[in-house]
N, C-alpha and C. Protein backbone atom coordinates (compact mmCIF):
# COMPACT_ATOMS: atom_id res chain seq x y z
N UNK A 1 -1.19 8.86 24.43
CA UNK A 1 -0.24 8.50 25.46
C UNK A 1 0.89 7.73 24.80
N UNK A 2 2.12 8.08 25.11
CA UNK A 2 3.30 7.44 24.54
C UNK A 2 4.07 6.70 25.65
N UNK A 3 4.45 5.45 25.38
CA UNK A 3 5.29 4.67 26.29
C UNK A 3 6.51 4.19 25.52
N UNK A 4 7.66 4.16 26.16
CA UNK A 4 8.86 3.59 25.59
C UNK A 4 9.23 2.37 26.41
N UNK A 5 9.37 1.22 25.75
CA UNK A 5 9.57 -0.04 26.48
C UNK A 5 10.66 -0.88 25.82
N UNK A 6 11.34 -1.73 26.62
CA UNK A 6 12.25 -2.71 26.03
C UNK A 6 11.44 -3.91 25.53
N UNK A 7 11.96 -4.62 24.56
CA UNK A 7 11.31 -5.85 24.10
C UNK A 7 12.32 -6.99 24.14
N UNK A 8 11.81 -8.20 24.34
CA UNK A 8 12.69 -9.37 24.39
C UNK A 8 13.71 -9.24 25.51
N UNK A 9 14.96 -9.51 25.19
CA UNK A 9 16.02 -9.46 26.20
C UNK A 9 16.79 -8.13 26.17
N UNK A 10 16.28 -7.13 25.44
CA UNK A 10 16.96 -5.85 25.33
C UNK A 10 16.98 -5.11 26.67
N UNK A 11 18.08 -4.44 26.95
CA UNK A 11 18.19 -3.66 28.19
C UNK A 11 17.65 -2.25 28.02
N UNK A 12 17.74 -1.70 26.82
CA UNK A 12 17.25 -0.35 26.58
C UNK A 12 15.87 -0.36 25.95
N UNK A 13 15.19 0.78 26.02
CA UNK A 13 13.86 0.91 25.43
C UNK A 13 13.99 1.23 23.95
N UNK A 14 13.58 0.32 23.08
CA UNK A 14 13.68 0.55 21.65
C UNK A 14 12.34 0.43 20.93
N UNK A 15 11.26 0.27 21.68
CA UNK A 15 9.92 0.22 21.10
C UNK A 15 9.06 1.29 21.76
N UNK A 16 8.34 2.05 20.93
CA UNK A 16 7.43 3.07 21.46
C UNK A 16 6.00 2.63 21.16
N UNK A 17 5.18 2.59 22.19
CA UNK A 17 3.76 2.26 22.06
C UNK A 17 2.96 3.55 22.23
N UNK A 18 2.02 3.79 21.32
CA UNK A 18 1.22 5.01 21.36
C UNK A 18 -0.25 4.62 21.37
N UNK A 19 -0.99 5.13 22.34
CA UNK A 19 -2.44 4.93 22.40
C UNK A 19 -3.10 6.23 21.97
N UNK A 20 -3.98 6.15 20.96
CA UNK A 20 -4.65 7.34 20.43
C UNK A 20 -6.04 7.48 21.04
N UNK A 21 -6.20 8.46 21.93
CA UNK A 21 -7.51 8.73 22.51
C UNK A 21 -8.50 9.17 21.43
N UNK A 22 -8.05 10.05 20.53
CA UNK A 22 -8.93 10.61 19.52
C UNK A 22 -9.48 9.53 18.58
N UNK A 23 -8.60 8.70 17.99
CA UNK A 23 -9.06 7.66 17.09
C UNK A 23 -9.85 6.58 17.82
N UNK A 24 -9.47 6.29 19.06
CA UNK A 24 -10.22 5.30 19.84
C UNK A 24 -11.65 5.76 20.07
N UNK A 25 -11.83 7.06 20.31
CA UNK A 25 -13.18 7.58 20.52
C UNK A 25 -13.99 7.56 19.23
N UNK A 26 -13.35 7.90 18.11
CA UNK A 26 -14.05 7.92 16.82
C UNK A 26 -14.44 6.51 16.40
N UNK A 27 -13.50 5.57 16.48
CA UNK A 27 -13.75 4.21 16.01
C UNK A 27 -14.42 3.33 17.07
N UNK A 28 -14.51 3.83 18.29
CA UNK A 28 -15.12 3.11 19.42
C UNK A 28 -14.45 1.77 19.67
N UNK A 29 -13.12 1.76 19.55
CA UNK A 29 -12.30 0.61 19.89
C UNK A 29 -10.88 1.13 20.15
N UNK A 30 -10.06 0.40 20.91
CA UNK A 30 -8.69 0.88 21.17
C UNK A 30 -7.86 0.95 19.90
N UNK A 31 -7.14 2.05 19.72
CA UNK A 31 -6.26 2.23 18.57
C UNK A 31 -4.84 2.46 19.08
N UNK A 32 -3.92 1.58 18.70
CA UNK A 32 -2.52 1.63 19.11
C UNK A 32 -1.62 1.76 17.90
N UNK A 33 -0.50 2.45 18.06
CA UNK A 33 0.56 2.52 17.07
C UNK A 33 1.83 2.00 17.73
N UNK A 34 2.73 1.42 16.94
CA UNK A 34 4.02 0.96 17.44
C UNK A 34 5.12 1.54 16.58
N UNK A 35 6.14 2.12 17.20
CA UNK A 35 7.32 2.60 16.50
C UNK A 35 8.52 1.83 17.04
N UNK A 36 9.38 1.34 16.16
CA UNK A 36 10.54 0.58 16.60
C UNK A 36 11.82 1.21 16.06
N UNK A 37 12.95 0.81 16.62
CA UNK A 37 14.24 1.28 16.15
C UNK A 37 14.77 2.51 16.88
N UNK A 38 14.05 3.01 17.87
CA UNK A 38 14.51 4.14 18.67
C UNK A 38 15.20 3.62 19.93
N UNK A 39 16.24 4.26 20.36
CA UNK A 39 16.86 3.98 21.65
C UNK A 39 16.42 5.10 22.59
N UNK A 40 15.21 4.96 23.12
CA UNK A 40 14.57 6.05 23.85
C UNK A 40 14.73 5.89 25.35
N UNK A 41 15.30 6.89 25.99
CA UNK A 41 15.38 6.87 27.45
C UNK A 41 14.28 7.74 28.07
N UNK A 42 13.83 8.78 27.33
CA UNK A 42 12.76 9.66 27.84
C UNK A 42 11.87 10.10 26.68
N UNK A 43 10.62 10.41 27.01
CA UNK A 43 9.67 10.96 26.05
C UNK A 43 8.97 12.15 26.69
N UNK A 44 8.64 13.15 25.87
CA UNK A 44 7.85 14.26 26.38
C UNK A 44 6.96 14.80 25.27
N UNK A 45 5.78 15.25 25.64
CA UNK A 45 4.90 15.93 24.71
C UNK A 45 4.87 17.39 25.11
N UNK A 46 5.13 18.27 24.15
CA UNK A 46 5.13 19.71 24.40
C UNK A 46 4.14 20.36 23.46
N UNK A 47 3.90 21.64 23.67
CA UNK A 47 2.96 22.37 22.84
C UNK A 47 3.68 23.49 22.11
N UNK A 48 3.45 23.58 20.80
CA UNK A 48 4.02 24.65 20.00
C UNK A 48 3.37 25.95 20.44
N UNK A 49 4.16 26.93 20.83
CA UNK A 49 3.63 28.19 21.35
C UNK A 49 2.89 29.01 20.30
N UNK A 50 3.24 28.84 19.02
CA UNK A 50 2.59 29.61 17.96
C UNK A 50 1.29 28.95 17.48
N UNK A 51 1.30 27.63 17.31
CA UNK A 51 0.13 26.96 16.74
C UNK A 51 -0.77 26.31 17.79
N UNK A 52 -0.22 26.06 18.98
CA UNK A 52 -0.97 25.38 20.03
C UNK A 52 -1.08 23.88 19.81
N UNK A 53 -0.39 23.35 18.77
CA UNK A 53 -0.42 21.92 18.48
C UNK A 53 0.65 21.17 19.26
N UNK A 54 0.36 19.94 19.65
CA UNK A 54 1.36 19.17 20.38
C UNK A 54 2.45 18.61 19.47
N UNK A 55 3.62 18.40 20.04
CA UNK A 55 4.69 17.69 19.34
C UNK A 55 5.41 16.81 20.36
N UNK A 56 6.09 15.79 19.84
CA UNK A 56 6.76 14.80 20.68
C UNK A 56 8.26 14.93 20.53
N UNK A 57 8.97 14.83 21.65
CA UNK A 57 10.44 14.79 21.64
C UNK A 57 10.87 13.59 22.47
N UNK A 58 12.03 13.04 22.12
CA UNK A 58 12.57 11.96 22.95
C UNK A 58 14.08 12.13 23.09
N UNK A 59 14.58 11.62 24.20
CA UNK A 59 16.02 11.61 24.44
C UNK A 59 16.53 10.19 24.36
N UNK A 60 17.80 10.04 23.94
CA UNK A 60 18.37 8.69 23.89
C UNK A 60 19.39 8.50 25.01
N UNK A 61 20.01 7.34 25.03
CA UNK A 61 20.94 7.00 26.11
C UNK A 61 22.29 7.68 25.97
N UNK A 62 22.53 8.39 24.85
CA UNK A 62 23.79 9.12 24.66
C UNK A 62 23.62 10.61 24.91
N UNK A 63 22.45 11.03 25.44
CA UNK A 63 22.24 12.42 25.79
C UNK A 63 21.74 13.29 24.65
N UNK A 64 21.35 12.71 23.52
CA UNK A 64 20.83 13.50 22.40
C UNK A 64 19.32 13.63 22.52
N UNK A 65 18.76 14.74 22.00
CA UNK A 65 17.32 14.98 22.01
C UNK A 65 16.84 15.05 20.56
N UNK A 66 15.71 14.38 20.28
CA UNK A 66 15.16 14.30 18.93
C UNK A 66 13.73 14.81 18.91
N UNK A 67 13.39 15.53 17.84
CA UNK A 67 12.04 16.00 17.61
C UNK A 67 11.37 15.04 16.64
N UNK A 68 10.17 14.57 16.96
CA UNK A 68 9.40 13.72 16.04
C UNK A 68 8.72 14.66 15.05
N UNK A 69 9.33 14.81 13.89
CA UNK A 69 8.90 15.76 12.88
C UNK A 69 8.06 15.06 11.83
N UNK A 70 6.77 15.39 11.75
CA UNK A 70 5.87 14.74 10.80
C UNK A 70 6.15 15.14 9.36
N UNK A 71 6.93 16.18 9.12
CA UNK A 71 7.21 16.59 7.75
C UNK A 71 8.35 15.77 7.14
N UNK A 72 9.05 14.98 7.92
CA UNK A 72 10.15 14.16 7.43
C UNK A 72 9.71 12.71 7.32
N UNK A 73 10.05 12.08 6.19
CA UNK A 73 9.68 10.67 6.04
C UNK A 73 10.88 9.80 5.68
N UNK A 74 12.10 10.30 5.98
CA UNK A 74 13.27 9.45 5.81
C UNK A 74 14.28 9.79 6.89
N UNK A 75 15.26 8.93 7.08
CA UNK A 75 16.28 9.09 8.09
C UNK A 75 17.62 9.14 7.38
N UNK A 76 18.14 10.34 7.16
CA UNK A 76 19.40 10.52 6.43
C UNK A 76 19.35 9.82 5.08
N UNK A 77 18.25 10.00 4.35
CA UNK A 77 18.00 9.42 3.02
C UNK A 77 17.85 7.91 3.03
N UNK A 78 17.67 7.30 4.18
CA UNK A 78 17.41 5.87 4.29
C UNK A 78 15.92 5.69 4.55
N UNK A 79 15.31 4.77 3.83
CA UNK A 79 13.87 4.54 3.98
C UNK A 79 13.52 4.11 5.40
N UNK A 80 12.42 4.62 5.89
CA UNK A 80 11.88 4.20 7.17
C UNK A 80 10.68 3.32 6.86
N UNK A 81 10.74 2.05 7.26
CA UNK A 81 9.63 1.14 7.00
C UNK A 81 8.50 1.46 7.95
N UNK A 82 7.31 1.70 7.39
CA UNK A 82 6.14 1.93 8.23
C UNK A 82 5.18 0.78 8.01
N UNK A 83 4.48 0.39 9.07
CA UNK A 83 3.57 -0.75 8.98
C UNK A 83 2.24 -0.42 9.64
N UNK A 84 1.21 -1.11 9.20
CA UNK A 84 -0.09 -1.10 9.84
C UNK A 84 -0.48 -2.55 10.02
N UNK A 85 -0.92 -2.92 11.21
CA UNK A 85 -1.30 -4.30 11.50
C UNK A 85 -2.73 -4.32 12.03
N UNK A 86 -3.54 -5.20 11.43
CA UNK A 86 -4.92 -5.35 11.90
C UNK A 86 -4.94 -6.14 13.20
N UNK A 87 -6.07 -6.16 13.84
CA UNK A 87 -6.25 -7.10 14.94
C UNK A 87 -6.48 -8.49 14.36
N UNK A 88 -6.63 -9.48 15.22
CA UNK A 88 -6.94 -10.83 14.75
C UNK A 88 -8.41 -10.89 14.36
N UNK A 89 -8.67 -11.35 13.13
CA UNK A 89 -10.01 -11.40 12.59
C UNK A 89 -10.51 -12.84 12.60
N UNK A 90 -11.69 -13.06 13.17
CA UNK A 90 -12.28 -14.40 13.20
C UNK A 90 -12.61 -14.85 11.79
N UNK A 91 -12.38 -16.11 11.50
CA UNK A 91 -12.65 -16.66 10.18
C UNK A 91 -14.06 -17.23 10.12
N UNK A 92 -14.44 -18.01 11.11
CA UNK A 92 -15.76 -18.64 11.14
C UNK A 92 -16.76 -17.66 11.77
N UNK A 93 -18.00 -17.66 11.32
CA UNK A 93 -18.99 -16.74 11.90
C UNK A 93 -19.14 -16.86 13.41
N UNK A 94 -18.92 -18.06 13.98
CA UNK A 94 -19.06 -18.17 15.44
C UNK A 94 -17.81 -17.72 16.18
N UNK A 95 -16.74 -17.34 15.45
CA UNK A 95 -15.54 -16.79 16.06
C UNK A 95 -14.64 -17.80 16.75
N UNK A 96 -14.99 -19.09 16.69
CA UNK A 96 -14.21 -20.10 17.41
C UNK A 96 -13.71 -21.20 16.48
N UNK A 97 -14.62 -21.77 15.70
CA UNK A 97 -14.28 -22.93 14.88
C UNK A 97 -13.37 -22.55 13.72
N UNK A 98 -12.51 -23.49 13.33
CA UNK A 98 -11.62 -23.29 12.19
C UNK A 98 -12.30 -23.79 10.91
N UNK A 99 -11.99 -23.15 9.80
CA UNK A 99 -12.43 -23.63 8.50
C UNK A 99 -11.24 -23.55 7.54
N UNK A 100 -11.30 -24.29 6.44
CA UNK A 100 -10.26 -24.20 5.42
C UNK A 100 -10.50 -22.94 4.60
N UNK A 101 -9.48 -22.08 4.55
CA UNK A 101 -9.57 -20.87 3.73
C UNK A 101 -9.02 -21.15 2.35
N UNK A 102 -9.75 -20.72 1.33
CA UNK A 102 -9.27 -20.86 -0.04
C UNK A 102 -8.51 -19.61 -0.45
N UNK A 103 -9.09 -18.46 -0.20
CA UNK A 103 -8.46 -17.20 -0.61
C UNK A 103 -8.87 -16.08 0.34
N UNK A 104 -8.04 -15.07 0.38
CA UNK A 104 -8.37 -13.81 1.03
C UNK A 104 -8.54 -12.81 -0.11
N UNK A 105 -9.72 -12.25 -0.25
CA UNK A 105 -10.03 -11.36 -1.36
C UNK A 105 -10.42 -9.99 -0.84
N UNK A 106 -10.14 -8.95 -1.61
CA UNK A 106 -10.57 -7.64 -1.20
C UNK A 106 -9.85 -6.53 -1.93
N UNK A 107 -9.94 -5.33 -1.37
CA UNK A 107 -9.31 -4.15 -1.94
C UNK A 107 -8.69 -3.32 -0.82
N UNK A 108 -7.57 -2.69 -1.12
CA UNK A 108 -6.95 -1.71 -0.23
C UNK A 108 -6.97 -0.39 -0.98
N UNK A 109 -7.63 0.61 -0.42
CA UNK A 109 -7.59 1.95 -1.01
C UNK A 109 -6.53 2.73 -0.25
N UNK A 110 -5.53 3.21 -0.98
CA UNK A 110 -4.41 3.88 -0.33
C UNK A 110 -4.01 5.12 -1.12
N UNK A 111 -3.37 6.04 -0.44
CA UNK A 111 -2.84 7.26 -1.05
C UNK A 111 -1.37 7.36 -0.68
N UNK A 112 -0.53 7.66 -1.68
CA UNK A 112 0.91 7.81 -1.44
C UNK A 112 1.39 9.08 -2.13
N UNK A 113 2.51 9.63 -1.66
CA UNK A 113 3.04 10.84 -2.27
C UNK A 113 3.75 10.54 -3.59
N UNK A 114 4.10 9.28 -3.83
CA UNK A 114 4.70 8.84 -5.10
C UNK A 114 4.45 7.35 -5.25
N UNK A 115 4.55 6.85 -6.47
CA UNK A 115 4.32 5.42 -6.71
C UNK A 115 5.37 4.59 -5.97
N UNK A 116 4.98 3.38 -5.57
CA UNK A 116 5.89 2.49 -4.86
C UNK A 116 5.28 1.12 -4.72
N UNK A 117 5.56 0.45 -3.62
CA UNK A 117 5.01 -0.89 -3.40
C UNK A 117 4.57 -1.05 -1.95
N UNK A 118 3.68 -2.00 -1.77
CA UNK A 118 3.11 -2.29 -0.46
C UNK A 118 3.19 -3.80 -0.25
N UNK A 119 3.78 -4.24 0.85
CA UNK A 119 3.85 -5.67 1.17
C UNK A 119 2.71 -6.02 2.10
N UNK A 120 1.99 -7.09 1.77
CA UNK A 120 0.86 -7.55 2.58
C UNK A 120 1.24 -8.88 3.20
N UNK A 121 1.50 -8.90 4.50
CA UNK A 121 1.81 -10.15 5.21
C UNK A 121 0.52 -10.69 5.79
N UNK A 122 0.27 -11.98 5.60
CA UNK A 122 -0.92 -12.63 6.12
C UNK A 122 -0.50 -13.67 7.16
N UNK A 123 -1.04 -13.54 8.36
CA UNK A 123 -0.75 -14.45 9.47
C UNK A 123 -2.02 -15.22 9.82
N UNK A 124 -1.86 -16.39 10.42
CA UNK A 124 -3.04 -17.15 10.83
C UNK A 124 -2.80 -17.79 12.19
N UNK A 125 -3.89 -17.95 12.93
CA UNK A 125 -3.92 -18.69 14.20
C UNK A 125 -2.87 -18.22 15.20
N UNK A 126 -2.71 -16.91 15.38
CA UNK A 126 -1.81 -16.28 16.34
C UNK A 126 -0.34 -16.54 16.06
N UNK A 127 0.00 -16.97 14.84
CA UNK A 127 1.39 -17.19 14.47
C UNK A 127 2.09 -15.85 14.30
N UNK A 128 3.40 -15.83 14.57
CA UNK A 128 4.19 -14.62 14.34
C UNK A 128 4.96 -14.71 13.03
N UNK A 129 4.74 -15.77 12.26
CA UNK A 129 5.37 -15.97 10.96
C UNK A 129 4.31 -15.87 9.86
N UNK A 130 4.53 -14.98 8.91
CA UNK A 130 3.57 -14.82 7.82
C UNK A 130 3.61 -16.05 6.92
N UNK A 131 2.43 -16.52 6.49
CA UNK A 131 2.43 -17.66 5.58
C UNK A 131 2.25 -17.22 4.12
N UNK A 132 1.93 -15.95 3.90
CA UNK A 132 1.90 -15.36 2.56
C UNK A 132 2.36 -13.91 2.69
N UNK A 133 3.19 -13.44 1.73
CA UNK A 133 3.69 -12.07 1.77
C UNK A 133 3.82 -11.49 0.37
N UNK A 134 2.72 -11.29 -0.33
CA UNK A 134 2.84 -10.69 -1.67
C UNK A 134 3.17 -9.20 -1.59
N UNK A 135 3.86 -8.70 -2.61
CA UNK A 135 4.15 -7.28 -2.73
C UNK A 135 3.29 -6.73 -3.85
N UNK A 136 2.53 -5.67 -3.55
CA UNK A 136 1.59 -5.08 -4.49
C UNK A 136 2.09 -3.71 -4.93
N UNK A 137 1.83 -3.37 -6.18
CA UNK A 137 2.20 -2.07 -6.71
C UNK A 137 1.25 -1.01 -6.18
N UNK A 138 1.78 0.15 -5.81
CA UNK A 138 0.99 1.25 -5.24
C UNK A 138 1.22 2.52 -6.04
N UNK A 139 0.15 3.03 -6.67
CA UNK A 139 0.21 4.32 -7.37
C UNK A 139 -0.10 5.42 -6.36
N UNK A 140 -0.12 6.68 -6.79
CA UNK A 140 -0.33 7.78 -5.85
C UNK A 140 -1.70 7.72 -5.19
N UNK A 141 -2.75 7.40 -5.94
CA UNK A 141 -4.06 7.13 -5.37
C UNK A 141 -4.53 5.85 -6.02
N UNK A 142 -4.76 4.84 -5.24
CA UNK A 142 -4.95 3.53 -5.82
C UNK A 142 -5.99 2.71 -5.08
N UNK A 143 -6.66 1.84 -5.82
CA UNK A 143 -7.53 0.81 -5.27
C UNK A 143 -6.87 -0.49 -5.68
N UNK A 144 -6.16 -1.12 -4.77
CA UNK A 144 -5.34 -2.29 -5.06
C UNK A 144 -6.14 -3.56 -4.78
N UNK A 145 -6.31 -4.43 -5.78
CA UNK A 145 -6.99 -5.70 -5.50
C UNK A 145 -6.08 -6.62 -4.70
N UNK A 146 -6.66 -7.33 -3.75
CA UNK A 146 -5.94 -8.29 -2.93
C UNK A 146 -6.53 -9.66 -3.21
N UNK A 147 -5.69 -10.60 -3.62
CA UNK A 147 -6.13 -11.98 -3.87
C UNK A 147 -5.00 -12.88 -3.41
N UNK A 148 -5.11 -13.37 -2.17
CA UNK A 148 -4.05 -14.18 -1.57
C UNK A 148 -4.54 -15.60 -1.39
N UNK A 149 -3.82 -16.56 -1.97
CA UNK A 149 -4.18 -17.96 -1.80
C UNK A 149 -3.84 -18.40 -0.38
N UNK A 150 -4.74 -19.15 0.23
CA UNK A 150 -4.51 -19.61 1.60
C UNK A 150 -4.42 -21.13 1.65
N UNK A 151 -5.57 -21.82 1.56
CA UNK A 151 -5.57 -23.28 1.55
C UNK A 151 -5.17 -23.93 2.85
N UNK A 152 -5.37 -23.26 3.95
CA UNK A 152 -4.99 -23.76 5.27
C UNK A 152 -6.18 -23.69 6.21
N UNK A 153 -6.26 -24.62 7.19
CA UNK A 153 -7.30 -24.47 8.21
C UNK A 153 -6.94 -23.30 9.13
N UNK A 154 -7.90 -22.44 9.39
CA UNK A 154 -7.63 -21.28 10.22
C UNK A 154 -8.86 -20.92 11.04
N UNK A 155 -8.64 -20.35 12.20
CA UNK A 155 -9.74 -19.80 13.00
C UNK A 155 -9.56 -18.30 13.19
N UNK A 156 -8.37 -17.77 12.85
CA UNK A 156 -8.14 -16.33 12.93
C UNK A 156 -7.05 -15.95 11.93
N UNK A 157 -7.19 -14.77 11.32
CA UNK A 157 -6.17 -14.24 10.42
C UNK A 157 -5.86 -12.79 10.81
N UNK A 158 -4.65 -12.36 10.42
CA UNK A 158 -4.21 -11.00 10.69
C UNK A 158 -3.44 -10.50 9.48
N UNK A 159 -3.60 -9.23 9.15
CA UNK A 159 -2.89 -8.59 8.04
C UNK A 159 -1.89 -7.58 8.56
N UNK A 160 -0.73 -7.49 7.90
CA UNK A 160 0.22 -6.42 8.19
C UNK A 160 0.61 -5.80 6.86
N UNK A 161 0.39 -4.50 6.71
CA UNK A 161 0.78 -3.76 5.51
C UNK A 161 2.08 -3.03 5.81
N UNK A 162 3.07 -3.17 4.93
CA UNK A 162 4.38 -2.53 5.13
C UNK A 162 4.76 -1.74 3.89
N UNK A 163 5.34 -0.56 4.15
CA UNK A 163 5.79 0.30 3.06
C UNK A 163 7.17 0.83 3.43
N UNK A 164 8.10 0.78 2.47
CA UNK A 164 9.46 1.21 2.78
C UNK A 164 10.08 1.89 1.57
N UNK A 165 9.87 3.18 1.42
CA UNK A 165 10.48 3.96 0.35
C UNK A 165 10.83 5.32 0.92
N UNK A 166 12.10 5.72 0.79
CA UNK A 166 12.52 7.02 1.32
C UNK A 166 11.72 8.14 0.68
N UNK A 167 11.41 9.15 1.44
CA UNK A 167 10.72 10.35 0.98
C UNK A 167 9.36 10.05 0.36
N UNK A 168 8.65 9.06 0.88
CA UNK A 168 7.31 8.78 0.37
C UNK A 168 6.37 8.48 1.52
N UNK A 169 5.49 9.40 1.82
CA UNK A 169 4.46 9.14 2.81
C UNK A 169 3.33 8.35 2.19
N UNK A 170 2.54 7.64 2.98
CA UNK A 170 1.41 6.87 2.48
C UNK A 170 0.38 6.71 3.59
N UNK A 171 -0.83 6.40 3.20
CA UNK A 171 -1.89 6.14 4.18
C UNK A 171 -2.91 5.18 3.59
N UNK A 172 -3.50 4.37 4.45
CA UNK A 172 -4.58 3.48 4.04
C UNK A 172 -5.88 4.23 4.27
N UNK A 173 -6.68 4.38 3.23
CA UNK A 173 -7.95 5.08 3.34
C UNK A 173 -9.10 4.13 3.65
N UNK A 174 -9.02 2.91 3.11
CA UNK A 174 -10.09 1.94 3.29
C UNK A 174 -9.54 0.55 3.04
N UNK A 175 -10.08 -0.41 3.75
CA UNK A 175 -9.68 -1.80 3.59
C UNK A 175 -10.93 -2.65 3.57
N UNK A 176 -11.21 -3.29 2.43
CA UNK A 176 -12.37 -4.18 2.29
C UNK A 176 -11.85 -5.58 2.05
N UNK A 177 -12.17 -6.52 2.94
CA UNK A 177 -11.67 -7.88 2.81
C UNK A 177 -12.81 -8.87 2.92
N UNK A 178 -12.64 -9.98 2.23
CA UNK A 178 -13.56 -11.10 2.35
C UNK A 178 -12.77 -12.39 2.37
N UNK A 179 -13.20 -13.33 3.17
CA UNK A 179 -12.54 -14.62 3.26
C UNK A 179 -13.36 -15.63 2.48
N UNK A 180 -12.74 -16.32 1.53
CA UNK A 180 -13.44 -17.32 0.73
C UNK A 180 -13.09 -18.70 1.29
N UNK A 181 -14.02 -19.34 2.00
CA UNK A 181 -13.73 -20.66 2.56
C UNK A 181 -13.70 -21.74 1.50
N UNK A 182 -12.87 -22.76 1.71
CA UNK A 182 -12.84 -23.91 0.83
C UNK A 182 -14.13 -24.68 0.96
N UNK A 183 -14.62 -24.75 2.19
CA UNK A 183 -15.95 -25.32 2.45
C UNK A 183 -16.49 -24.67 3.70
N UNK A 184 -17.74 -24.81 3.94
CA UNK A 184 -18.37 -24.20 5.10
C UNK A 184 -18.40 -25.16 6.29
N UNK A 185 -17.85 -26.37 6.11
CA UNK A 185 -17.92 -27.34 7.19
C UNK A 185 -16.91 -27.03 8.27
N UNK A 186 -17.30 -27.28 9.46
CA UNK A 186 -16.45 -27.08 10.62
C UNK A 186 -15.42 -28.19 10.67
N UNK A 187 -14.18 -27.86 11.03
CA UNK A 187 -13.15 -28.88 11.20
C UNK A 187 -13.27 -29.50 12.58
N UNK A 188 -13.14 -30.78 12.66
CA UNK A 188 -13.21 -31.48 13.96
C UNK A 188 -11.83 -31.76 14.46
């Protein structure tokens, strides 16, 4: 299901929210995608008469119609930044109490059509400002180690992976993370 909505004080719809029934059923949790930067007045899903596969089209406020073409990964040779954002992850085993985090450790397994870089933004405690944003090198098929210093009291963390290189598709195949607490004591 695709929705086009305004955000903030904008009058036009420039954010597209997509709910994936298929991935939600497989993962047994809601799966959402967000696309930004479109001035969308209408959306429609149609079916290709030859292949039977669905495709998405949208119209803008100037009367133009656009096809969402999965074979294109740039916009007039300008990179399109794509992101993946996790849900909020509890830090303490009870899901409520805060603890001091020393490091966020793990691996990101990713595949890209060419070498590039991946930015990992780390957020804590429902903040909209990242407190760490390292950029990691990404080969065509890679297992990237993640080691982010934290040193802050937290009860929830969130990751956002961003990639921005023209003509380069990428995907996250696996994400393994561990939180290394500074101590196991609960903060009062």
